[in-house]
Amino acid sequence: MIVVSHNVNPKPSHPDYFTIGGAIAVAFVNHTDSAIAIEMAKTNLDDHWEIESFCEVSEVTRDTYEEGDVNLSYYDMAIADGIVTVVHTYPVGSDEEDEKNAS
């Protein structure tokens, strides 16, 4: 399993465009090739998100997560479905948005 994360921004078509300052999209991809997993993660984002930058890629196993960790449920869903993308948003004017704009 490969986990791929990207910094993403809402496109003007996003229903919450004026309230979301940005997000981190984390894709759990049931694949062993990181290059393929990165492409799958990019194409799995819906049309309301624009990739700003690549964050990281890591290989994980079920043992990476402890019982009760929400990421374990995403891992299990990706085993069943091939890919699961979770988008963690933050509001306009948040500390996360300030840090993103400062870099």
C-alpha atoms as a PDB file:
ATOM      1  CA  MET A   1       0.000   0.000   0.000  1.00  0.00           C
ATOM      2  CA  ILE A   2       1.272   3.440  -0.951  1.00  0.00           C
ATOM      3  CA  VAL A   3       0.060   6.622   0.774  1.00  0.00           C
ATOM      4  CA  VAL A   4       0.353   9.792  -1.310  1.00  0.00           C
ATOM      5  CA  SER A   5      -0.377  13.286  -0.060  1.00  0.00           C
ATOM      6  CA  HIS A   6      -0.725  16.584  -1.924  1.00  0.00           C
ATOM      7  CA  ASN A   7      -1.477  20.167  -0.956  1.00  0.00           C
ATOM      8  CA  VAL A   8      -4.622  21.096  -2.845  1.00  0.00           C
ATOM      9  CA  ASN A   9      -6.768  24.186  -3.338  1.00  0.00           C
ATOM     10  CA  PRO A  10     -10.457  24.361  -4.125  1.00  0.00           C
ATOM     11  CA  LYS A  11     -11.318  25.416  -7.667  1.00  0.00           C
ATOM     12  CA  PRO A  12     -13.965  28.125  -8.131  1.00  0.00           C
ATOM     13  CA  SER A  13     -16.411  25.307  -8.970  1.00  0.00           C
ATOM     14  CA  HIS A  14     -16.113  23.913  -5.419  1.00  0.00           C
ATOM     15  CA  PRO A  15     -19.339  24.560  -3.459  1.00  0.00           C
ATOM     16  CA  ASP A  16     -17.295  25.860  -0.489  1.00  0.00           C
ATOM     17  CA  TYR A  17     -14.753  27.797  -2.550  1.00  0.00           C
ATOM     18  CA  PHE A  18     -15.073  31.005  -0.493  1.00  0.00           C
ATOM     19  CA  THR A  19     -14.681  29.313   2.891  1.00  0.00           C
ATOM     20  CA  ILE A  20     -11.961  26.698   2.267  1.00  0.00           C
ATOM     21  CA  GLY A  21      -8.423  28.079   2.411  1.00  0.00           C
ATOM     22  CA  GLY A  22      -6.875  24.838   1.186  1.00  0.00           C
ATOM     23  CA  ALA A  23      -6.477  21.191   2.049  1.00  0.00           C
ATOM     24  CA  ILE A  24      -4.254  18.168   2.273  1.00  0.00           C
ATOM     25  CA  ALA A  25      -5.436  15.278   0.096  1.00  0.00           C
ATOM     26  CA  VAL A  26      -4.236  11.889   1.329  1.00  0.00           C
ATOM     27  CA  ALA A  27      -4.705   8.906  -0.966  1.00  0.00           C
ATOM     28  CA  PHE A  28      -4.358   5.315   0.196  1.00  0.00           C
ATOM     29  CA  VAL A  29      -3.510   3.399  -2.992  1.00  0.00           C
ATOM     30  CA  ASN A  30      -3.462  -0.390  -3.097  1.00  0.00           C
ATOM     31  CA  HIS A  31      -0.430  -0.629  -5.373  1.00  0.00           C
ATOM     32  CA  THR A  32       3.260  -1.409  -4.963  1.00  0.00           C
ATOM     33  CA  ASP A  33       4.657   0.996  -7.575  1.00  0.00           C
ATOM     34  CA  SER A  34       4.933   4.522  -6.157  1.00  0.00           C
ATOM     35  CA  ALA A  35       4.945   6.220  -9.591  1.00  0.00           C
ATOM     36  CA  ILE A  36       1.681   4.514 -10.518  1.00  0.00           C
ATOM     37  CA  ALA A  37       0.251   5.266  -7.071  1.00  0.00           C
ATOM     38  CA  ILE A  38       1.059   8.987  -7.469  1.00  0.00           C
ATOM     39  CA  GLU A  39      -0.750   9.113 -10.818  1.00  0.00           C
ATOM     40  CA  MET A  40      -3.731   7.221  -9.384  1.00  0.00           C
ATOM     41  CA  ALA A  41      -3.862   9.663  -6.451  1.00  0.00           C
ATOM     42  CA  LYS A  42      -3.884  12.641  -8.830  1.00  0.00           C
ATOM     43  CA  THR A  43      -6.645  11.263 -11.017  1.00  0.00           C
ATOM     44  CA  ASN A  44      -8.775  10.198  -8.054  1.00  0.00           C
ATOM     45  CA  LEU A  45      -9.266  13.801  -6.888  1.00  0.00           C
ATOM     46  CA  ASP A  46     -12.589  15.172  -8.025  1.00  0.00           C
ATOM     47  CA  ASP A  47     -12.872  18.116 -10.393  1.00  0.00           C
ATOM     48  CA  HIS A  48     -13.263  20.624  -7.545  1.00  0.00           C
ATOM     49  CA  TRP A  49      -9.592  20.420  -6.461  1.00  0.00           C
ATOM     50  CA  GLU A  50      -6.375  21.726  -7.976  1.00  0.00           C
ATOM     51  CA  ILE A  51      -3.057  20.231  -6.881  1.00  0.00           C
ATOM     52  CA  GLU A  52      -0.751  22.925  -5.565  1.00  0.00           C
ATOM     53  CA  SER A  53       2.202  20.772  -4.577  1.00  0.00           C
ATOM     54  CA  PHE A  54       3.316  17.262  -3.809  1.00  0.00           C
ATOM     55  CA  CYS A  55       3.828  16.500  -0.107  1.00  0.00           C
ATOM     56  CA  GLU A  56       5.022  12.966   0.359  1.00  0.00           C
ATOM     57  CA  VAL A  57       4.732   9.328  -0.569  1.00  0.00           C
ATOM     58  CA  SER A  58       5.227   6.425   1.801  1.00  0.00           C
ATOM     59  CA  GLU A  59       4.794   2.701   1.786  1.00  0.00           C
ATOM     60  CA  VAL A  60       2.664   1.329   4.617  1.00  0.00           C
ATOM     61  CA  THR A  61       1.345  -1.985   5.840  1.00  0.00           C
ATOM     62  CA  ARG A  62      -1.618  -2.776   8.056  1.00  0.00           C
ATOM     63  CA  ASP A  63       0.856  -3.013  10.959  1.00  0.00           C
ATOM     64  CA  THR A  64       1.772   0.660  10.437  1.00  0.00           C
ATOM     65  CA  TYR A  65      -1.472   1.616  12.194  1.00  0.00           C
ATOM     66  CA  GLU A  66      -2.741   0.752  15.652  1.00  0.00           C
ATOM     67  CA  GLU A  67      -6.241  -0.574  16.230  1.00  0.00           C
ATOM     68  CA  GLY A  68      -8.624   2.367  16.500  1.00  0.00           C
ATOM     69  CA  ASP A  69      -6.519   4.624  14.254  1.00  0.00           C
ATOM     70  CA  VAL A  70      -8.837   6.160  11.632  1.00  0.00           C
ATOM     71  CA  ASN A  71      -6.121   5.588   9.022  1.00  0.00           C
ATOM     72  CA  LEU A  72      -6.527   1.853   9.551  1.00  0.00           C
ATOM     73  CA  SER A  73     -10.103   2.090   8.289  1.00  0.00           C
ATOM     74  CA  TYR A  74      -8.904   4.011   5.205  1.00  0.00           C
ATOM     75  CA  TYR A  75      -6.244   1.342   4.664  1.00  0.00           C
ATOM     76  CA  ASP A  76      -8.866  -1.408   4.836  1.00  0.00           C
ATOM     77  CA  MET A  77     -11.176   0.487   2.443  1.00  0.00           C
ATOM     78  CA  ALA A  78      -8.308   0.865  -0.038  1.00  0.00           C
ATOM     79  CA  ILE A  79      -7.594  -2.863   0.158  1.00  0.00           C
ATOM     80  CA  ALA A  80     -11.221  -3.477  -0.830  1.00  0.00           C
ATOM     81  CA  ASP A  81     -11.687  -0.627  -3.333  1.00  0.00           C
ATOM     82  CA  GLY A  82      -8.178  -0.044  -4.723  1.00  0.00           C
ATOM     83  CA  ILE A  83      -7.953   3.603  -3.647  1.00  0.00           C
ATOM     84  CA  VAL A  84      -9.407   5.893  -1.000  1.00  0.00           C
ATOM     85  CA  THR A  85      -8.793   9.642  -0.910  1.00  0.00           C
ATOM     86  CA  VAL A  86      -9.371  11.674   2.234  1.00  0.00           C
ATOM     87  CA  VAL A  87      -9.338  15.480   1.993  1.00  0.00           C
ATOM     88  CA  HIS A  88      -8.519  17.399   5.186  1.00  0.00           C
ATOM     89  CA  THR A  89      -9.662  21.005   4.666  1.00  0.00           C
ATOM     90  CA  TYR A  90      -8.828  24.166   6.553  1.00  0.00           C
ATOM     91  CA  PRO A  91     -10.712  27.469   6.472  1.00  0.00           C
ATOM     92  CA  VAL A  92      -9.725  30.732   4.834  1.00  0.00           C
ATOM     93  CA  GLY A  93      -7.582  32.735   7.248  1.00  0.00           C
ATOM     94  CA  SER A  94      -6.420  29.727   9.278  1.00  0.00           C
ATOM     95  CA  ASP A  95      -2.872  29.169  10.507  1.00  0.00           C
ATOM     96  CA  GLU A  96      -2.456  26.429   7.872  1.00  0.00           C
ATOM     97  CA  GLU A  97      -3.324  28.872   5.093  1.00  0.00           C
ATOM     98  CA  ASP A  98      -0.933  31.474   6.525  1.00  0.00           C
ATOM     99  CA  GLU A  99       1.894  28.907   6.626  1.00  0.00           C
ATOM    100  CA  LYS A 100       1.139  27.811   3.043  1.00  0.00           C
ATOM    101  CA  ASN A 101       1.235  31.401   1.774  1.00  0.00           C
ATOM    102  CA  ALA A 102       4.468  32.181   3.660  1.00  0.00           C
ATOM    103  CA  SER A 103       6.439  29.434   1.912  1.00  0.00           C
END
